[in-house]
Amino acid sequence: MFDSIVIGAGPAGISAALYLKRANKNVLVLYHGESQLEKAHKIDNFYGFPNGISGKDLYQNGIEQARNLGIEVLDEEVLDVKNELENGFLVKTLNNEYSSKTIVIATGNKKLKPNIDGILEFEGAGVSYCAICDGFFYRKKKVSVIGNSNYAISEANDLSNVTDDITILTDGAEFDLEVPYKVDKRKIKKIGGDGMVEYVEFTDGKRIDTRGIFIALGVAGGLDFAKKLGILLDKETIKVDNSNMRTNIDGIYAVGNINGGLLQVNKAAYEGALAGLDIIKYLNNKK
């Protein structure tokens, strides 16, 4: 079991990992996909770079620094985080499972919503972003998952506990993975119904009946994990104690853009440091 698993390898996550490692804690960093930082052409307001630095270089430098210190940093897609261990958490990736005493969510704030007519209108009325949270309400009903990745499959797997009528809708994207569910690759025109979701209409004019639609685009992010774990949210951000980055779930911390506020590297690194230092105290007090 790790002392801490950090999900995300940007400035916030790596900063937390560095402090933990320097305190001789066993820490694992998991990341997957392109970071928001990597998209920044040039950063010239961060201390120590007189000529600026590209976001991609800064991101890679952080990972290299962590690895040079002996931190295990793995490119693995995290599908789920479960609070089901007596003394910690279970993190499930595409191919592995890891246990940890604490968790640091440092995924950035990925707000992935498909540009489909009806998505906003039916949020809370048939459109959901968490199969574990809301799947119970669709027992034995027809449901759909919008997505074309392993995350979409993971959500469909969760839904299979309450219904056997599941369709994965790729919204025109390719889907080469083998699954025990129906897959429809047609482009979606709109979601409709009378007060509640009743159907999905495609651009070819045809419809399929569905009572629940679960959005699972790209890879799972911090908000997805938070909703499943029961972490308190403030709209599209995670609520934390700003003095130590603790969430309302004992042993889980959230740092960086996922908390909202100033979306800057300086803030992310600072919050990572706060979390790392508090986790050290938390773990030492558990002994």
Protein backbone atom coordinates (compact mmCIF):
# COMPACT_ATOMS: atom_id res chain seq x y z
CA MET A 1 0.00 0.00 0.00
CA PHE A 2 1.26 3.45 -0.91
CA ASP A 3 1.28 6.29 1.59
CA SER A 4 -0.23 8.51 -1.08
CA ILE A 5 -1.37 8.27 -4.68
CA VAL A 6 -1.39 11.50 -6.66
CA ILE A 7 -3.69 11.57 -9.68
CA GLY A 8 -2.28 14.13 -12.08
CA ALA A 9 1.29 15.11 -12.98
CA GLY A 10 1.00 18.88 -13.35
CA PRO A 11 2.54 21.47 -10.99
CA ALA A 12 0.01 20.78 -8.22
CA GLY A 13 0.35 17.01 -8.22
CA ILE A 14 4.11 16.89 -8.69
CA SER A 15 4.63 19.53 -5.98
CA ALA A 16 2.67 17.41 -3.50
CA ALA A 17 4.62 14.31 -4.52
CA LEU A 18 7.99 16.05 -4.08
CA TYR A 19 7.21 17.10 -0.52
CA LEU A 20 5.94 13.63 0.33
CA LYS A 21 8.99 11.89 -1.11
CA ARG A 22 11.39 14.19 0.69
CA ALA A 23 9.66 13.15 3.92
CA ASN A 24 10.38 9.52 3.00
CA LYS A 25 6.77 8.70 2.12
CA ASN A 26 5.98 6.07 -0.49
CA VAL A 27 4.17 7.98 -3.22
CA LEU A 28 2.85 7.05 -6.67
CA VAL A 29 1.88 9.56 -9.39
CA LEU A 30 -0.59 8.47 -12.06
CA TYR A 31 -1.40 10.53 -15.15
CA HIS A 32 -2.82 10.07 -18.62
CA GLY A 33 -3.64 12.25 -21.59
CA GLU A 34 -2.64 15.79 -22.42
CA SER A 35 -2.32 18.24 -19.54
CA GLN A 36 -3.85 21.71 -19.71
CA LEU A 37 -0.38 23.06 -18.97
CA GLU A 38 1.07 21.44 -22.08
CA LYS A 39 -1.20 23.60 -24.22
CA ALA A 40 0.40 26.83 -22.97
CA HIS A 41 2.69 28.26 -25.67
CA LYS A 42 4.86 30.25 -23.25
CA ILE A 43 4.88 30.94 -19.52
CA ASP A 44 6.83 34.04 -18.49
CA ASN A 45 5.29 34.83 -15.08
CA PHE A 46 6.70 31.87 -13.14
CA TYR A 47 9.77 32.34 -10.95
CA GLY A 48 13.16 31.16 -12.20
CA PHE A 49 12.78 31.32 -15.99
CA PRO A 50 14.19 34.66 -17.24
CA ASN A 51 13.34 33.84 -20.85
CA GLY A 52 10.07 32.08 -20.11
CA ILE A 53 9.35 28.42 -20.73
CA SER A 54 6.76 26.53 -22.74
CA GLY A 55 4.00 24.77 -20.85
CA LYS A 56 5.04 21.46 -22.38
CA ASP A 57 8.65 21.84 -21.20
CA LEU A 58 7.59 22.89 -17.70
CA TYR A 59 5.26 19.90 -17.47
CA GLN A 60 7.92 17.43 -18.61
CA ASN A 61 10.54 19.02 -16.34
CA GLY A 62 8.27 18.41 -13.35
CA ILE A 63 7.83 14.74 -14.19
CA GLU A 64 11.57 14.34 -14.73
CA GLN A 65 12.32 16.04 -11.41
CA ALA A 66 9.97 13.66 -9.61
CA ARG A 67 11.49 10.60 -11.24
CA ASN A 68 15.01 11.80 -10.47
CA LEU A 69 14.00 11.93 -6.81
CA GLY A 70 12.84 8.31 -7.00
CA ILE A 71 9.10 8.90 -7.31
CA GLU A 72 7.23 6.35 -9.40
CA VAL A 73 5.38 8.26 -12.13
CA LEU A 74 3.25 6.10 -14.41
CA ASP A 75 1.22 6.91 -17.51
CA GLU A 76 -1.93 4.96 -16.64
CA GLU A 77 -5.54 5.93 -17.14
CA VAL A 78 -7.39 6.05 -13.82
CA LEU A 79 -10.94 4.78 -14.20
CA ASP A 80 -12.17 4.82 -10.63
CA VAL A 81 -11.28 5.60 -7.02
CA LYS A 82 -13.10 3.65 -4.32
CA ASN A 83 -13.28 4.25 -0.60
CA GLU A 84 -13.71 0.57 0.19
CA LEU A 85 -10.57 -0.36 2.08
CA GLU A 86 -10.42 -0.44 5.88
CA ASN A 87 -7.39 1.83 6.03
CA GLY A 88 -7.34 3.52 2.67
CA PHE A 89 -8.49 3.73 -0.91
CA LEU A 90 -8.47 1.57 -4.02
CA VAL A 91 -7.43 3.19 -7.31
CA LYS A 92 -8.39 1.30 -10.44
CA THR A 93 -6.56 1.99 -13.70
CA LEU A 94 -7.12 0.42 -17.08
CA ASN A 95 -4.79 -2.48 -16.31
CA ASN A 96 -3.96 -2.34 -12.59
CA GLU A 97 -5.23 -1.68 -9.09
CA TYR A 98 -3.35 0.22 -6.39
CA SER A 99 -4.11 0.84 -2.72
CA SER A 100 -3.16 3.94 -0.78
CA LYS A 101 -3.64 5.54 2.61
CA THR A 102 -4.32 8.96 1.06
CA ILE A 103 -5.32 10.39 -2.31
CA VAL A 104 -4.42 13.69 -3.97
CA ILE A 105 -6.71 14.75 -6.82
CA ALA A 106 -4.67 16.97 -9.14
CA THR A 107 -6.27 16.32 -12.50
CA GLY A 108 -7.06 19.88 -13.51
CA ASN A 109 -10.63 20.79 -14.29
CA LYS A 110 -11.75 19.08 -17.48
CA LYS A 111 -15.25 20.19 -18.34
CA LEU A 112 -16.12 17.89 -21.21
CA LYS A 113 -19.67 18.23 -22.42
CA PRO A 114 -20.80 17.25 -25.90
CA ASN A 115 -22.25 20.00 -28.05
CA ILE A 116 -25.64 18.35 -28.34
CA ASP A 117 -29.00 20.10 -28.21
CA GLY A 118 -30.79 19.15 -24.99
CA ILE A 119 -27.77 18.32 -22.81
CA LEU A 120 -28.16 21.36 -20.55
CA GLU A 121 -31.96 21.26 -20.61
CA PHE A 122 -32.10 17.70 -19.30
CA GLU A 123 -29.29 17.81 -16.74
CA GLY A 124 -30.83 16.31 -13.61
CA ALA A 125 -33.79 15.13 -15.66
CA GLY A 126 -32.23 12.14 -17.35
CA VAL A 127 -28.76 13.47 -18.19
CA SER A 128 -26.11 12.49 -15.63
CA TYR A 129 -22.35 12.58 -15.26
CA CYS A 130 -21.98 9.76 -12.72
CA ALA A 131 -23.21 6.19 -13.21
CA ILE A 132 -22.44 5.17 -9.63
CA CYS A 133 -24.34 8.18 -8.27
CA ASP A 134 -27.47 8.01 -10.41
CA GLY A 135 -27.60 4.55 -11.96
CA PHE A 136 -29.95 3.31 -9.21
CA PHE A 137 -32.75 5.51 -10.58
CA TYR A 138 -32.68 3.65 -13.91
CA ARG A 139 -33.16 0.08 -12.74
CA LYS A 140 -34.30 -2.15 -15.60
CA LYS A 141 -34.66 0.87 -17.90
CA LYS A 142 -33.03 1.71 -21.22
CA VAL A 143 -29.94 3.83 -20.72
CA SER A 144 -27.20 5.26 -22.92
CA VAL A 145 -23.59 6.29 -22.36
CA ILE A 146 -22.12 9.01 -24.57
CA GLY A 147 -18.40 8.42 -25.11
CA ASN A 148 -15.92 6.35 -27.07
CA SER A 149 -13.16 5.48 -24.61
CA ASN A 150 -12.34 3.17 -21.71
CA TYR A 151 -13.99 5.65 -19.37
CA ALA A 152 -17.30 5.19 -21.23
CA ILE A 153 -16.93 1.43 -20.86
CA SER A 154 -16.25 1.80 -17.15
CA GLU A 155 -19.46 3.81 -16.73
CA ALA A 156 -21.39 1.21 -18.73
CA ASN A 157 -19.96 -1.51 -16.48
CA ASP A 158 -21.28 0.33 -13.42
CA LEU A 159 -24.70 0.64 -15.04
CA SER A 160 -24.78 -3.09 -15.82
CA ASN A 161 -25.46 -3.67 -12.12
CA VAL A 162 -28.91 -2.07 -12.48
CA THR A 163 -29.93 -2.68 -16.10
CA ASP A 164 -29.06 -4.92 -19.02
CA ASP A 165 -30.27 -2.49 -21.71
CA ILE A 166 -27.22 -0.29 -22.29
CA THR A 167 -26.14 1.45 -25.48
CA ILE A 168 -22.85 3.26 -25.96
CA LEU A 169 -23.32 6.28 -28.24
CA THR A 170 -20.07 7.49 -29.84
CA ASP A 171 -21.65 10.61 -31.43
CA GLY A 172 -19.92 9.97 -34.73
CA ALA A 173 -16.55 8.97 -33.27
CA GLU A 174 -14.85 5.66 -33.99
CA PHE A 175 -15.04 2.84 -31.46
CA ASP A 176 -12.80 -0.18 -31.87
CA LEU A 177 -13.09 -1.70 -28.40
CA GLU A 178 -14.94 -4.97 -27.80
CA VAL A 179 -17.79 -4.60 -25.33
CA PRO A 180 -20.86 -6.63 -24.31
CA TYR A 181 -23.08 -3.60 -24.98
CA LYS A 182 -24.83 -2.19 -28.01
CA VAL A 183 -22.78 0.47 -29.79
CA ASP A 184 -24.24 3.16 -32.05
CA LYS A 185 -21.75 5.33 -33.97
CA ARG A 186 -24.25 7.72 -35.53
CA LYS A 187 -23.93 11.47 -34.98
CA ILE A 188 -26.37 12.76 -32.38
CA LYS A 189 -28.66 15.67 -33.28
CA LYS A 190 -30.52 16.18 -30.03
CA ILE A 191 -31.86 14.74 -26.80
CA GLY A 192 -35.60 15.05 -26.30
CA GLY A 193 -38.50 14.26 -24.04
CA ASP A 194 -41.42 15.74 -22.14
CA GLY A 195 -39.82 17.00 -18.94
CA MET A 196 -37.59 13.94 -18.71
CA VAL A 197 -35.26 12.30 -21.24
CA GLU A 198 -37.20 9.96 -23.53
CA TYR A 199 -35.14 9.65 -26.70
CA VAL A 200 -32.00 10.43 -28.64
CA GLU A 201 -32.39 11.67 -32.19
CA PHE A 202 -29.60 11.24 -34.74
CA THR A 203 -28.70 13.42 -37.70
CA ASP A 204 -30.21 10.82 -40.02
CA GLY A 205 -33.62 11.63 -38.49
CA LYS A 206 -34.00 8.32 -36.65
CA ARG A 207 -34.42 7.92 -32.89
CA ILE A 208 -33.77 5.42 -30.14
CA ASP A 209 -35.66 5.31 -26.85
CA THR A 210 -33.66 5.90 -23.69
CA ARG A 211 -34.53 7.02 -20.16
CA GLY A 212 -31.08 7.91 -18.91
CA ILE A 213 -28.03 9.39 -20.62
CA PHE A 214 -24.63 9.27 -18.93
CA ILE A 215 -21.85 11.54 -20.23
CA ALA A 216 -18.41 9.90 -20.23
CA LEU A 217 -16.18 11.76 -22.67
CA GLY A 218 -12.41 11.42 -22.79
CA VAL A 219 -10.80 10.18 -19.57
CA ALA A 220 -12.24 10.40 -16.07
CA GLY A 221 -11.37 13.62 -14.25
CA GLY A 222 -11.33 14.95 -10.73
CA LEU A 223 -15.00 15.91 -10.69
CA ASP A 224 -15.96 12.41 -11.81
CA PHE A 225 -14.02 10.87 -8.92
CA ALA A 226 -15.40 13.46 -6.49
CA LYS A 227 -19.02 12.73 -7.37
CA LYS A 228 -18.56 9.00 -6.93
CA LEU A 229 -16.77 9.42 -3.60
CA GLY A 230 -19.25 11.89 -2.14
CA ILE A 231 -16.82 14.80 -2.05
CA LEU A 232 -18.53 18.17 -1.63
CA LEU A 233 -18.57 20.36 -4.72
CA ASP A 234 -19.13 24.04 -5.41
CA LYS A 235 -20.71 23.89 -8.86
CA GLU A 236 -17.82 22.71 -11.08
CA THR A 237 -15.04 22.75 -8.45
CA ILE A 238 -14.11 20.71 -5.39
CA LYS A 239 -14.58 22.25 -1.95
CA VAL A 240 -11.44 22.17 0.19
CA ASP A 241 -10.10 23.65 3.39
CA ASN A 242 -7.81 26.30 1.92
CA SER A 243 -5.32 25.94 4.76
CA ASN A 244 -4.45 22.32 3.99
CA MET A 245 -6.35 21.30 0.81
CA ARG A 246 -8.42 18.65 2.61
CA THR A 247 -11.79 17.64 1.20
CA ASN A 248 -14.69 16.51 3.38
CA ILE A 249 -13.53 12.89 2.93
CA ASP A 250 -10.83 11.96 5.42
CA GLY A 251 -7.58 11.23 3.59
CA ILE A 252 -8.52 12.82 0.26
CA TYR A 253 -7.01 16.11 -0.89
CA ALA A 254 -7.64 18.23 -3.99
CA VAL A 255 -5.17 20.71 -5.46
CA GLY A 256 -4.80 22.99 -8.48
CA ASN A 257 -7.37 24.01 -11.08
CA ILE A 258 -9.88 21.47 -9.81
CA ASN A 259 -10.47 23.85 -6.88
CA GLY A 260 -11.12 26.88 -9.06
CA GLY A 261 -9.76 30.29 -8.14
CA LEU A 262 -6.59 31.64 -9.74
CA LEU A 263 -5.73 29.28 -12.60
CA GLN A 264 -1.98 29.80 -12.46
CA VAL A 265 1.10 27.61 -12.04
CA ASN A 266 2.10 29.50 -8.88
CA LYS A 267 -1.19 28.70 -7.17
CA ALA A 268 -1.09 25.06 -8.26
CA ALA A 269 2.43 24.51 -6.92
CA TYR A 270 1.53 26.26 -3.65
CA GLU A 271 -1.54 24.12 -3.08
CA GLY A 272 0.45 20.98 -3.86
CA ALA A 273 2.97 21.97 -1.22
CA LEU A 274 0.21 22.62 1.34
CA ALA A 275 -1.34 19.22 0.66
CA GLY A 276 1.99 17.40 0.76
CA LEU A 277 2.94 18.92 4.11
CA ASP A 278 -0.46 18.19 5.63
CA ILE A 279 -0.45 14.59 4.40
CA ILE A 280 2.92 14.09 6.10
CA LYS A 281 1.35 15.21 9.40
CA TYR A 282 -1.76 13.13 8.73
CA LEU A 283 0.26 9.95 8.09
CA ASN A 284 2.57 10.51 11.05
CA ASN A 285 -0.41 10.93 13.37
CA LYS A 286 -1.84 7.63 12.09
CA LYS A 287 1.16 5.67 13.34
